């Protein structure tokens, strides 16, 4: 009687083990080889066969429903890098090679004597958190995620019940071309990570079967962090503050105790007990779920779009989209069309290269002539509009008390050996609105002075200083900054200072979900397009810049950089990757209108 193929979602460890044992049984097996085809197996299943949508999403709600030792997806930002961990990746059990890869504890109990042959491997530990400021539209609805988990539970239970019945027959492991067959020579309960058949039968309630409430006590369901264990990946692939989708095997703290109770024999150090290997200052990691990562992929703004048409950004289509979005921004900004044009360019800006200390491509915007009352009205409208358009947004009410007390920069705590996050530890592509209208006269203390310097450094150089107590390290950033203020900000010198002149109050515009999805697609797609300037157009730009400098000696290199950035963004806003004379003229006209308002 042949066992059923392994379910790569419900029983990924079974597939890992059987793939390893097949490789170990082949001639020329190298125990030093850390990948024996298991990653190709999962990539084929998830991407070539299009099964990624079948993998449950792990978050603060679904952790109550998802079973441990199953395959999950977790989208998060790398908040801290905790170094490397050594573990026994492979060892000989008699004459048979076994593996502990993608597990917290050894899969098989080890005897009194150490195995004659062991392979010590290494894995990286990343502390990952939900992306700061992530807006709700980027995530699947609560109902769809929970329904996916609930639909998965009966299928998982039935497959495991049948697999337990198949395990009664004594037979050898068979591997077919279509899947991985179950070997009953191994303890089924331990390899599947599920209760016995009898316990499953007694519990007819899907909620009772899938609930992990006893396992997730103490976990913050509004902010689910996770310890991600990375295998066989170059260090350059994962960087601090990068956003990834991790696909891997979920484990919880209770499993350590279960496995340890089942293994009465001494483990001789070969059972990867986290309590033993982690120093006391990292025991906090036992309070968070762990994910043994099989596949990771870096995410950008387009990866957070849901339901948007994934089409080629053809200029005629983009031009229409641009006009509709520009009208929407104009309404939000009280029919100030000039401010809306600058706002659109600001939203499309990003750091696309760095030359020495200059972050080329940034375009911070300071809207002036705001009062507390107008900031409460138009600022709230604009903040809400940006939350519906951008994936990651933040609002900072810049008050004296805030500056004197808040921790903006991440700081290293050497007692816990952790990097404590700060307000400015953000993912690439984040957007910050700073309301300076609430700032009143007063004295900045040492913390306030440092925070003001940090904000200025972020605005001018797109860098954030991380405080490691004995030294400071600058980390590159790519954050859009928008400031509301009464007059030109003295704390935050923006690239563009634009007096705000609304002509109407309030917005009665009703925006459809389809329009929002189209605008999100427009901003994410157009923003990522490449851009260049042809030689002939380069000469036109240079001549205009020289003429402007001769007419106004106050114009400097900063203005030149801003105009070039605006020219690039103007072209991109129309879906074009090469600066044209028409778009350059539009930039010059916008700059003229802005300067008139400044007089």
Protein backbone atom coordinates (compact mmCIF):
# COMPACT_ATOMS: atom_id res chain seq x y z
CA UNK A 1 0.00 0.00 0.00
CA UNK A 2 1.59 3.24 -1.09
CA UNK A 3 1.36 6.36 1.10
CA UNK A 4 -0.09 9.59 -0.11
CA UNK A 5 2.20 12.32 -1.51
CA UNK A 6 3.36 14.84 1.04
CA UNK A 7 1.37 18.05 1.22
CA UNK A 8 3.99 20.78 0.92
CA UNK A 9 1.74 23.22 2.79
CA UNK A 10 0.42 20.97 5.56
CA UNK A 11 3.55 18.87 6.00
CA UNK A 12 6.62 20.67 4.62
CA UNK A 13 8.98 18.92 7.05
CA UNK A 14 7.96 15.57 5.62
CA UNK A 15 8.99 16.76 2.17
CA UNK A 16 12.26 18.14 3.55
CA UNK A 17 13.10 14.86 5.27
CA UNK A 18 12.19 12.58 2.40
CA UNK A 19 14.08 14.71 -0.13
CA UNK A 20 17.15 14.59 2.11
CA UNK A 21 16.92 10.84 2.62
CA UNK A 22 16.58 10.29 -1.11
CA UNK A 23 19.71 12.36 -1.69
CA UNK A 24 21.55 10.58 1.15
CA UNK A 25 20.76 7.20 -0.38
CA UNK A 26 22.21 8.16 -3.75
CA UNK A 27 25.81 7.50 -4.75
CA UNK A 28 28.22 10.36 -4.26
CA UNK A 29 26.19 11.96 -1.45
CA UNK A 30 28.05 14.87 0.13
CA UNK A 31 26.89 15.59 3.70
CA UNK A 32 28.49 19.03 3.43
CA UNK A 33 26.04 19.98 0.71
CA UNK A 34 23.43 22.08 2.44
CA UNK A 35 20.81 21.98 -0.29
CA UNK A 36 19.71 18.68 -1.73
CA UNK A 37 16.96 19.91 -4.04
CA UNK A 38 14.40 20.92 -1.45
CA UNK A 39 14.44 24.60 -2.43
CA UNK A 40 13.87 23.76 -6.08
CA UNK A 41 10.97 21.57 -5.00
CA UNK A 42 9.25 24.40 -3.13
CA UNK A 43 10.00 27.00 -5.82
CA UNK A 44 8.45 24.72 -8.44
CA UNK A 45 5.39 24.17 -6.26
CA UNK A 46 4.91 27.83 -5.29
CA UNK A 47 5.81 29.69 -8.47
CA UNK A 48 5.93 27.32 -11.45
CA UNK A 49 2.69 25.65 -10.42
CA UNK A 50 1.17 28.88 -9.07
CA UNK A 51 0.40 27.55 -5.57
CA UNK A 52 1.62 30.57 -3.59
CA UNK A 53 -1.93 31.74 -2.91
CA UNK A 54 -2.59 28.43 -1.12
CA UNK A 55 -0.03 29.26 1.58
CA UNK A 56 -1.69 30.94 4.60
CA UNK A 57 -0.58 34.46 5.55
CA UNK A 58 0.83 34.77 9.05
CA UNK A 59 -0.25 37.82 11.04
CA UNK A 60 -1.65 38.70 14.45
CA UNK A 61 -5.07 37.30 13.61
CA UNK A 62 -4.23 34.18 11.65
CA UNK A 63 -1.71 32.88 14.17
CA UNK A 64 -4.73 31.65 16.16
CA UNK A 65 -5.74 29.45 13.26
CA UNK A 66 -2.54 28.29 11.59
CA UNK A 67 -1.09 24.99 12.78
CA UNK A 68 2.57 24.82 13.80
CA UNK A 69 5.01 23.06 11.45
CA UNK A 70 3.03 24.13 8.40
CA UNK A 71 4.06 26.41 5.56
CA UNK A 72 3.22 30.12 5.98
CA UNK A 73 3.90 33.50 4.38
CA UNK A 74 5.09 36.38 6.54
CA UNK A 75 5.58 39.92 5.19
CA UNK A 76 7.78 42.02 7.43
CA UNK A 77 10.67 44.46 7.78
CA UNK A 78 14.05 43.37 9.08
CA UNK A 79 14.25 45.38 12.32
CA UNK A 80 17.32 43.75 13.88
CA UNK A 81 20.01 41.31 12.80
CA UNK A 82 20.90 39.00 15.68
CA UNK A 83 23.92 37.27 14.23
CA UNK A 84 24.42 33.62 13.37
CA UNK A 85 23.54 30.39 15.11
CA UNK A 86 25.31 27.04 14.78
CA UNK A 87 23.32 23.83 14.77
CA UNK A 88 23.78 20.18 13.86
CA UNK A 89 22.42 20.17 10.34
CA UNK A 90 23.05 16.51 9.54
CA UNK A 91 24.20 13.44 11.45
CA UNK A 92 24.35 9.69 11.06
CA UNK A 93 21.75 7.57 12.84
CA UNK A 94 23.40 4.20 12.52
CA UNK A 95 24.18 3.96 8.84
CA UNK A 96 21.50 6.45 7.81
CA UNK A 97 22.00 10.18 7.47
CA UNK A 98 19.37 12.41 9.10
CA UNK A 99 18.85 16.19 8.98
CA UNK A 100 17.69 18.79 11.50
CA UNK A 101 17.45 21.57 8.94
CA UNK A 102 14.40 23.86 9.21
CA UNK A 103 13.68 22.61 12.74
CA UNK A 104 14.14 23.97 16.25
CA UNK A 105 14.86 20.55 17.75
CA UNK A 106 16.26 17.29 16.52
CA UNK A 107 13.76 15.22 14.56
CA UNK A 108 15.03 11.96 16.02
CA UNK A 109 16.11 11.19 19.62
CA UNK A 110 19.83 10.68 19.93
CA UNK A 111 21.39 7.97 22.06
CA UNK A 112 23.85 8.13 24.93
CA UNK A 113 26.82 8.30 22.59
CA UNK A 114 27.32 11.07 20.09
CA UNK A 115 26.80 10.17 16.44
CA UNK A 116 30.10 9.29 14.78
CA UNK A 117 29.53 11.71 11.94
CA UNK A 118 27.89 15.10 12.31
CA UNK A 119 27.78 18.23 10.20
CA UNK A 120 27.57 21.58 12.01
CA UNK A 121 25.86 24.17 9.85
CA UNK A 122 25.06 27.83 10.31
CA UNK A 123 21.92 29.94 10.01
CA UNK A 124 21.21 33.65 10.43
CA UNK A 125 18.74 35.09 12.93
CA UNK A 126 16.63 38.08 11.91
CA UNK A 127 14.13 39.84 14.13
CA UNK A 128 11.33 40.95 11.82
CA UNK A 129 8.35 43.17 12.51
CA UNK A 130 5.31 44.44 10.58
CA UNK A 131 6.30 47.25 8.25
CA UNK A 132 6.02 50.54 10.21
CA UNK A 133 3.16 52.68 8.99
CA UNK A 134 1.76 50.00 6.69
CA UNK A 135 -1.73 50.97 5.58
CA UNK A 136 -4.64 48.56 5.74
CA UNK A 137 -5.34 48.52 1.99
CA UNK A 138 -2.04 46.69 1.39
CA UNK A 139 -3.22 43.66 3.35
CA UNK A 140 -5.87 41.07 2.52
CA UNK A 141 -9.17 41.58 4.29
CA UNK A 142 -9.57 39.93 7.67
CA UNK A 143 -12.46 37.82 6.41
CA UNK A 144 -10.57 36.44 3.40
CA UNK A 145 -7.51 35.52 5.46
CA UNK A 146 -9.47 33.79 8.22
CA UNK A 147 -11.66 31.99 5.69
CA UNK A 148 -8.55 30.75 3.94
CA UNK A 149 -7.27 29.34 7.22
CA UNK A 150 -10.61 27.74 8.07
CA UNK A 151 -10.93 26.20 4.60
CA UNK A 152 -7.43 24.79 4.95
CA UNK A 153 -8.11 23.08 8.30
CA UNK A 154 -10.61 20.36 7.17
CA UNK A 155 -8.41 19.49 4.20
CA UNK A 156 -5.36 19.30 6.42
CA UNK A 157 -7.16 17.13 8.98
CA UNK A 158 -8.45 14.68 6.37
CA UNK A 159 -5.06 14.33 4.68
CA UNK A 160 -3.33 13.70 7.98
CA UNK A 161 -5.98 11.17 9.05
CA UNK A 162 -5.45 9.19 5.86
CA UNK A 163 -1.68 9.47 6.19
CA UNK A 164 -1.85 8.05 9.72
CA UNK A 165 -3.90 5.12 8.44
CA UNK A 166 -1.39 4.48 5.69
CA UNK A 167 1.39 4.50 8.28
CA UNK A 168 0.03 1.30 9.83
CA UNK A 169 1.42 -0.75 6.94
CA UNK A 170 5.08 -1.63 7.24
CA UNK A 171 6.78 -0.63 4.03
CA UNK A 172 9.89 1.10 2.72
CA UNK A 173 10.11 4.71 1.65
CA UNK A 174 9.13 5.20 -1.98
CA UNK A 175 9.69 8.34 -4.00
CA UNK A 176 7.73 8.84 -7.19
CA UNK A 177 7.96 11.44 -9.90
CA UNK A 178 4.71 13.01 -8.73
CA UNK A 179 5.40 13.43 -5.02
CA UNK A 180 6.90 12.17 -1.81
CA UNK A 181 5.55 9.01 -0.23
CA UNK A 182 5.22 8.48 3.51
CA UNK A 183 7.50 6.07 5.34
CA UNK A 184 5.85 4.52 8.42
CA UNK A 185 9.24 3.48 9.73
CA UNK A 186 9.49 6.97 11.21
CA UNK A 187 7.27 8.17 14.03
CA UNK A 188 4.30 9.74 12.30
CA UNK A 189 3.30 12.06 15.06
CA UNK A 190 6.71 13.68 15.21
CA UNK A 191 7.29 14.01 11.48
CA UNK A 192 3.87 15.47 10.78
CA UNK A 193 3.70 17.70 13.81
CA UNK A 194 0.02 16.83 14.38
CA UNK A 195 -2.01 14.99 17.02
CA UNK A 196 -2.84 11.31 16.71
CA UNK A 197 -5.76 10.15 14.58
CA UNK A 198 -7.87 9.43 17.61
CA UNK A 199 -7.44 12.91 19.02
CA UNK A 200 -8.34 14.41 15.66
CA UNK A 201 -11.46 12.28 15.42
CA UNK A 202 -12.62 13.21 18.90
CA UNK A 203 -12.38 16.91 18.11
CA UNK A 204 -14.94 17.50 15.40
CA UNK A 205 -14.81 21.26 15.74
CA UNK A 206 -12.55 22.92 13.20
CA UNK A 207 -12.09 25.83 15.56
CA UNK A 208 -11.02 23.57 18.37
CA UNK A 209 -8.67 21.69 16.08
CA UNK A 210 -6.93 24.69 14.57
CA UNK A 211 -6.91 27.12 17.45
CA UNK A 212 -3.46 27.88 18.81
CA UNK A 213 -4.58 30.16 21.61
CA UNK A 214 -2.73 28.13 24.24
CA UNK A 215 0.44 28.45 22.19
CA UNK A 216 0.26 32.17 21.46
CA UNK A 217 -0.40 33.49 24.95
CA UNK A 218 1.48 36.74 25.41
CA UNK A 219 1.89 37.44 21.69
CA UNK A 220 0.87 40.93 20.65
CA UNK A 221 -1.75 40.27 17.98
CA UNK A 222 -1.69 43.90 16.85
CA UNK A 223 2.07 43.79 16.26
CA UNK A 224 3.19 40.27 15.45
CA UNK A 225 6.98 40.06 15.35
CA UNK A 226 8.81 36.92 14.35
CA UNK A 227 12.27 35.38 14.62
CA UNK A 228 13.17 34.40 11.07
CA UNK A 229 15.92 31.84 10.56
CA UNK A 230 17.70 32.18 7.21
CA UNK A 231 19.52 29.29 5.57
CA UNK A 232 22.19 29.26 2.82
CA UNK A 233 21.71 32.87 1.73
CA UNK A 234 24.48 35.45 1.18
CA UNK A 235 24.51 38.15 3.83
CA UNK A 236 24.24 40.80 1.12
CA UNK A 237 20.79 39.47 0.19
CA UNK A 238 19.17 40.74 3.37
CA UNK A 239 19.74 44.17 4.85
CA UNK A 240 18.42 46.06 7.82
CA UNK A 241 15.06 47.78 7.12
CA UNK A 242 14.47 45.82 3.91
CA UNK A 243 10.94 44.45 3.47
CA UNK A 244 10.57 40.78 2.56
CA UNK A 245 8.04 38.08 2.13
CA UNK A 246 9.36 35.08 4.03
CA UNK A 247 7.95 31.68 3.09
CA UNK A 248 8.81 29.02 5.60
CA UNK A 249 7.86 26.65 8.38
CA UNK A 250 6.18 28.10 11.48
CA UNK A 251 7.21 26.87 14.93
CA UNK A 252 6.07 27.97 18.36
CA UNK A 253 7.64 27.86 21.83
CA UNK A 254 5.38 25.08 23.11
CA UNK A 255 6.92 22.69 20.59
CA UNK A 256 10.27 22.87 22.35
CA UNK A 257 8.78 21.52 25.54
CA UNK A 258 6.78 18.88 23.68
CA UNK A 259 9.80 17.58 21.83
CA UNK A 260 11.95 17.68 24.94
CA UNK A 261 9.35 15.72 26.91
CA UNK A 262 9.17 13.08 24.19
CA UNK A 263 12.95 12.65 24.12
CA UNK A 264 13.82 11.20 27.52
CA UNK A 265 17.33 10.29 26.46
CA UNK A 266 20.20 12.79 26.72
CA UNK A 267 20.65 14.92 23.61
CA UNK A 268 24.41 15.45 24.01
CA UNK A 269 24.06 18.95 22.58
CA UNK A 270 22.70 17.78 19.26
CA UNK A 271 19.14 18.83 19.99
CA UNK A 272 18.88 22.50 19.09
CA UNK A 273 17.19 23.67 22.28
CA UNK A 274 16.78 27.41 21.98
CA UNK A 275 16.86 27.79 25.78
CA UNK A 276 20.34 26.31 25.78
CA UNK A 277 21.84 28.06 22.77
CA UNK A 278 20.44 31.54 23.25
CA UNK A 279 22.16 33.70 25.87
CA UNK A 280 19.98 35.07 28.70
CA UNK A 281 19.69 38.45 26.98
CA UNK A 282 17.99 36.79 24.01
CA UNK A 283 15.48 34.64 25.86
CA UNK A 284 12.90 37.20 24.72
CA UNK A 285 13.04 35.45 21.36
CA UNK A 286 11.17 32.53 22.89
CA UNK A 287 8.17 34.84 23.25
CA UNK A 288 7.78 35.27 19.49
CA UNK A 289 6.97 32.74 16.78
CA UNK A 290 9.84 31.37 14.72
CA UNK A 291 9.88 30.91 11.01
CA UNK A 292 12.40 28.64 9.31
CA UNK A 293 12.71 30.36 5.95
CA UNK A 294 12.75 28.29 2.78
CA UNK A 295 12.35 31.15 0.30
CA UNK A 296 12.49 34.92 0.72
CA UNK A 297 11.88 37.67 -1.77
CA UNK A 298 12.35 41.40 -1.38
CA UNK A 299 9.20 43.45 -1.78
CA UNK A 300 8.69 46.84 -3.40
CA UNK A 301 5.63 49.09 -3.66
CA UNK A 302 4.11 47.21 -6.67
CA UNK A 303 4.12 44.00 -4.60
CA UNK A 304 1.58 45.52 -2.22
CA UNK A 305 -0.97 46.29 -4.92
CA UNK A 306 -4.13 44.23 -4.79
CA UNK A 307 -6.54 43.93 -7.68
CA UNK A 308 -4.75 46.53 -9.81
CA UNK A 309 -4.25 45.92 -13.52
CA UNK A 310 -0.68 44.78 -14.12
CA UNK A 311 -0.33 46.43 -17.50
CA UNK A 312 2.47 48.08 -19.40
CA UNK A 313 2.71 51.79 -18.52
CA UNK A 314 2.01 53.12 -22.01
CA UNK A 315 2.25 56.94 -22.24
CA UNK A 316 -1.31 57.56 -23.48
CA UNK A 317 -2.79 55.48 -20.64
CA UNK A 318 -0.48 57.02 -18.03
CA UNK A 319 -1.30 60.53 -19.27
CA UNK A 320 -5.02 59.93 -18.67
CA UNK A 321 -4.31 58.45 -15.25
CA UNK A 322 -2.13 61.43 -14.39
CA UNK A 323 -4.85 63.94 -15.21
CA UNK A 324 -7.45 62.16 -13.09
CA UNK A 325 -5.13 61.84 -10.10
CA UNK A 326 -4.05 65.47 -10.47
CA UNK A 327 -7.70 66.58 -10.33
CA UNK A 328 -8.17 64.53 -7.18
CA UNK A 329 -5.14 66.11 -5.49
CA UNK A 330 -6.36 69.55 -6.55
CA UNK A 331 -9.72 68.97 -4.85
CA UNK A 332 -8.03 67.67 -1.69
CA UNK A 333 -5.82 70.79 -1.63
CA UNK A 334 -8.74 73.23 -1.84
CA UNK A 335 -8.46 73.74 -5.61
CA UNK A 336 -4.85 74.88 -5.39
CA UNK A 337 -3.75 73.44 -8.73
CA UNK A 338 -0.15 74.64 -8.52
CA UNK A 339 0.32 72.98 -5.12
CA UNK A 340 -1.27 69.81 -6.57
CA UNK A 341 1.31 69.73 -9.39
CA UNK A 342 4.17 69.97 -6.90
CA UNK A 343 2.48 67.37 -4.71
CA UNK A 344 2.36 64.90 -7.61
CA UNK A 345 6.07 65.35 -8.33
CA UNK A 346 6.80 64.92 -4.62
CA UNK A 347 4.86 61.65 -4.49
CA UNK A 348 6.81 60.27 -7.45
CA UNK A 349 10.22 61.14 -6.00
CA UNK A 350 12.71 58.58 -4.75
CA UNK A 351 16.45 58.31 -4.22
CA UNK A 352 17.70 56.64 -7.39
CA UNK A 353 21.42 57.20 -6.86
CA UNK A 354 23.92 58.87 -4.53
CA UNK A 355 26.84 61.12 -5.43
CA UNK A 356 29.03 61.66 -2.37
CA UNK A 357 26.63 63.06 0.23
CA UNK A 358 23.94 64.04 -2.30
CA UNK A 359 20.85 61.82 -2.51
CA UNK A 360 19.86 62.30 -6.15
CA UNK A 361 16.12 62.07 -6.80
CA UNK A 362 14.69 63.20 -3.45
CA UNK A 363 12.16 66.04 -3.51
CA UNK A 364 10.95 67.11 -0.08
CA UNK A 365 8.08 69.61 0.00
CA UNK A 366 7.29 72.36 2.50
CA UNK A 367 3.76 73.77 2.15
CA UNK A 368 3.65 77.11 3.96
CA UNK A 369 0.93 79.61 4.92
CA UNK A 370 -0.74 77.04 7.17
CA UNK A 371 -2.38 77.93 10.44
CA UNK A 372 -3.37 75.44 13.13
CA UNK A 373 -6.93 75.58 11.83
CA UNK A 374 -6.09 75.11 8.15
CA UNK A 375 -3.61 72.36 9.01
CA UNK A 376 -6.35 70.57 10.94
CA UNK A 377 -8.64 70.80 7.89
CA UNK A 378 -6.47 70.45 4.80
CA UNK A 379 -3.73 68.54 6.59
CA UNK A 380 -6.20 65.91 7.72
CA UNK A 381 -7.70 65.66 4.22
CA UNK A 382 -4.30 65.26 2.61
CA UNK A 383 -3.09 62.81 5.25
CA UNK A 384 -6.16 60.64 4.70
CA UNK A 385 -5.74 60.84 0.92
CA UNK A 386 -2.10 59.76 1.11
CA UNK A 387 -2.99 56.85 3.39
CA UNK A 388 -5.26 55.53 0.65
CA UNK A 389 -2.59 55.97 -2.06
CA UNK A 390 0.75 55.01 -0.47
CA UNK A 391 1.69 51.74 1.24
CA UNK A 392 3.60 53.22 4.24
CA UNK A 393 2.73 56.59 5.78
CA UNK A 394 3.46 58.38 9.06
CA UNK A 395 2.31 61.62 10.66
CA UNK A 396 4.52 63.50 13.13
CA UNK A 397 3.00 66.34 15.17
CA UNK A 398 6.12 68.42 15.71
CA UNK A 399 5.72 69.93 19.17
CA UNK A 400 8.33 71.02 21.67
CA UNK A 401 7.36 68.20 24.01
CA UNK A 402 7.62 65.68 21.18
CA UNK A 403 11.11 66.79 20.14
CA UNK A 404 12.36 66.82 23.74
CA UNK A 405 11.17 63.32 24.58
CA UNK A 406 10.80 61.04 21.55
CA UNK A 407 13.43 58.54 20.39
CA UNK A 408 13.83 59.18 16.68
CA UNK A 409 17.04 57.22 16.12
CA UNK A 410 17.37 53.47 16.74
CA UNK A 411 19.69 52.69 19.65
CA UNK A 412 21.68 49.62 20.56
CA UNK A 413 20.92 48.24 24.02
CA UNK A 414 23.95 46.20 25.03
CA UNK A 415 22.24 44.78 28.12
CA UNK A 416 19.70 42.97 25.97
CA UNK A 417 21.96 43.01 22.90
CA UNK A 418 19.06 44.35 20.85
CA UNK A 419 18.57 47.27 18.53
CA UNK A 420 15.75 49.33 19.98
CA UNK A 421 13.75 50.84 17.17
CA UNK A 422 13.20 54.55 16.69
CA UNK A 423 10.58 56.58 14.85
CA UNK A 424 12.95 57.03 11.89
CA UNK A 425 13.69 53.33 11.44
CA UNK A 426 11.52 53.04 8.34
CA UNK A 427 11.21 50.95 5.23
CA UNK A 428 12.27 52.25 1.84
CA UNK A 429 9.49 54.24 0.19
CA UNK A 430 7.89 55.44 3.44
CA UNK A 431 6.20 58.84 3.51
CA UNK A 432 6.23 61.24 6.48
CA UNK A 433 3.95 64.23 7.04
CA UNK A 434 5.34 66.65 9.63
CA UNK A 435 2.92 69.20 11.08
CA UNK A 436 5.05 72.12 12.28
CA UNK A 437 2.06 74.38 12.98
CA UNK A 438 1.86 72.96 16.50
CA UNK A 439 5.41 74.01 17.35
CA UNK A 440 5.43 76.84 19.89
CA UNK A 441 8.22 78.97 21.34
CA UNK A 442 10.33 77.23 23.95
CA UNK A 443 13.68 75.64 24.71
CA UNK A 444 14.98 72.42 23.22
CA UNK A 445 16.87 70.18 25.61
CA UNK A 446 19.75 67.97 24.51
CA UNK A 447 17.33 65.29 23.25
CA UNK A 448 15.37 67.89 21.29
CA UNK A 449 18.50 69.33 19.72
CA UNK A 450 19.63 65.86 18.66
CA UNK A 451 16.20 65.03 17.25
CA UNK A 452 16.10 68.26 15.26
CA UNK A 453 19.53 67.42 13.85
CA UNK A 454 18.39 63.91 12.93
CA UNK A 455 15.33 65.23 11.06
CA UNK A 456 17.44 67.79 9.22
CA UNK A 457 19.99 65.14 8.25
CA UNK A 458 17.22 62.90 6.95
CA UNK A 459 15.77 65.70 4.87
CA UNK A 460 19.05 66.94 3.45
CA UNK A 461 20.99 63.71 2.96
CA UNK A 462 18.42 60.92 3.32
CA UNK A 463 20.46 59.30 6.09
CA UNK A 464 19.63 58.31 9.65
CA UNK A 465 22.22 57.97 12.39
CA UNK A 466 21.93 54.78 14.44
CA UNK A 467 23.24 55.12 17.98
CA UNK A 468 25.52 52.24 19.02
CA UNK A 469 26.51 54.02 22.27
CA UNK A 470 30.25 53.93 21.59
CA UNK A 471 29.89 55.11 18.02
CA UNK A 472 27.24 56.20 15.52
CA UNK A 473 26.60 54.72 12.12
CA UNK A 474 24.77 56.43 9.26
CA UNK A 475 22.25 54.28 7.42
CA UNK A 476 20.94 55.24 4.00
CA UNK A 477 17.22 56.01 3.79
CA UNK A 478 14.66 56.72 1.09
CA UNK A 479 11.80 58.56 2.78
CA UNK A 480 9.52 61.23 1.32
CA UNK A 481 9.00 64.22 3.65
CA UNK A 482 6.12 66.70 3.52
CA UNK A 483 6.01 69.62 5.97
CA UNK A 484 3.09 71.89 6.92
CA UNK A 485 4.21 75.18 8.47
CA UNK A 486 3.17 78.83 8.85
CA UNK A 487 6.38 80.13 7.23
CA UNK A 488 9.42 78.49 5.73
CA UNK A 489 10.62 75.87 8.18
CA UNK A 490 13.87 76.72 9.93
CA UNK A 491 14.24 73.22 11.35
CA UNK A 492 13.54 71.30 8.15
CA UNK A 493 14.93 72.94 4.99
CA UNK A 494 12.93 71.31 2.21
CA UNK A 495 13.88 71.10 -1.47
CA UNK A 496 10.72 72.99 -2.43
CA UNK A 497 9.02 75.72 -0.39
CA UNK A 498 5.52 76.28 -1.75
CA UNK A 499 3.02 78.81 -0.32
CA UNK A 500 -0.37 77.08 -0.02
CA UNK A 501 -3.30 79.09 -1.38
CA UNK A 502 -6.60 77.17 -1.29
CA UNK A 503 -9.68 78.73 -2.84
CA UNK A 504 -12.31 76.37 -1.42
CA UNK A 505 -12.96 74.54 1.82
CA UNK A 506 -13.94 70.92 2.19
CA UNK A 507 -14.07 68.07 -0.28
CA UNK A 508 -17.25 66.25 -1.28
CA UNK A 509 -15.55 64.08 -3.89
CA UNK A 510 -16.47 60.39 -3.74
CA UNK A 511 -13.59 58.16 -4.84
CA UNK A 512 -14.35 54.64 -5.98
CA UNK A 513 -12.28 51.61 -5.04
CA UNK A 514 -11.44 51.10 -8.70
CA UNK A 515 -10.05 54.63 -8.98
CA UNK A 516 -7.91 54.16 -5.86
CA UNK A 517 -6.49 50.91 -7.21
CA UNK A 518 -5.65 52.58 -10.51
CA UNK A 519 -3.93 55.52 -8.80
CA UNK A 520 -1.90 53.19 -6.57
CA UNK A 521 -0.78 51.31 -9.64
CA UNK A 522 0.14 54.58 -11.35
CA UNK A 523 2.25 55.88 -8.45
CA UNK A 524 4.02 52.57 -7.80
CA UNK A 525 4.71 51.79 -11.46
CA UNK A 526 5.67 55.20 -12.81
CA UNK A 527 7.91 55.85 -9.81
CA UNK A 528 10.06 52.83 -10.65
CA UNK A 529 10.61 53.65 -14.34
CA UNK A 530 14.18 54.40 -15.52
CA UNK A 531 15.03 57.83 -16.95
CA UNK A 532 17.70 59.54 -19.05
CA UNK A 533 18.39 62.83 -20.85
CA UNK A 534 19.58 62.82 -24.46
CA UNK A 535 22.62 64.92 -25.38
CA UNK A 536 20.65 67.57 -27.29
CA UNK A 537 18.23 68.04 -24.42
CA UNK A 538 21.15 68.11 -22.01
CA UNK A 539 22.53 71.18 -23.81
CA UNK A 540 19.15 72.94 -23.63
CA UNK A 541 18.95 72.31 -19.88
CA UNK A 542 22.50 73.51 -19.29
CA UNK A 543 21.90 76.73 -21.25
CA UNK A 544 18.72 77.44 -19.30
CA UNK A 545 20.47 76.86 -16.00
CA UNK A 546 23.31 79.21 -16.96
CA UNK A 547 20.80 81.89 -18.01
CA UNK A 548 18.90 81.53 -14.75
CA UNK A 549 22.12 81.89 -12.77
CA UNK A 550 23.06 85.07 -14.66
CA UNK A 551 19.59 86.55 -14.02
CA UNK A 552 19.59 85.68 -10.31
CA UNK A 553 22.88 85.25 -8.45
CA UNK A 554 21.08 83.66 -5.49
CA UNK A 555 20.48 80.51 -7.55
CA UNK A 556 23.01 77.82 -6.68
CA UNK A 557 23.84 74.18 -7.30
CA UNK A 558 21.01 73.07 -4.99
CA UNK A 559 18.51 74.77 -7.31
CA UNK A 560 20.09 73.12 -10.35
CA UNK A 561 19.75 69.68 -8.74
CA UNK A 562 16.13 70.40 -7.86
CA UNK A 563 15.25 71.50 -11.40
CA UNK A 564 16.86 68.41 -12.91
CA UNK A 565 14.96 66.22 -10.46
CA UNK A 566 11.71 68.01 -11.31
CA UNK A 567 12.41 67.51 -15.04
CA UNK A 568 12.93 63.82 -14.51
CA UNK A 569 9.78 63.48 -12.40
CA UNK A 570 7.71 65.52 -14.84
CA UNK A 571 8.63 63.13 -17.65
CA UNK A 572 7.93 60.09 -15.51
CA UNK A 573 4.54 61.49 -14.49
CA UNK A 574 3.55 61.17 -18.17
CA UNK A 575 5.01 57.67 -18.40
CA UNK A 576 7.98 58.80 -20.49
CA UNK A 577 11.55 57.84 -19.68
CA UNK A 578 13.30 60.60 -21.65
CA UNK A 579 13.07 64.32 -20.87
CA UNK A 580 11.37 66.25 -23.67
CA UNK A 581 11.37 69.97 -24.36
CA UNK A 582 7.65 70.13 -23.61
CA UNK A 583 8.10 68.70 -20.13
CA UNK A 584 11.13 70.87 -19.43
CA UNK A 585 9.07 73.93 -20.30
CA UNK A 586 6.39 72.75 -17.87
CA UNK A 587 8.99 72.55 -15.12
CA UNK A 588 10.20 76.08 -15.85
CA UNK A 589 6.62 77.38 -15.76
CA UNK A 590 5.92 75.67 -12.42
CA UNK A 591 9.08 77.18 -10.99
CA UNK A 592 8.06 80.64 -12.24
CA UNK A 593 4.63 80.36 -10.62
CA UNK A 594 6.16 79.20 -7.36
CA UNK A 595 8.60 82.11 -7.27
CA UNK A 596 5.76 84.55 -7.86
CA UNK A 597 4.02 83.25 -4.76
CA UNK A 598 7.20 83.65 -2.74
CA UNK A 599 7.42 87.38 -3.52
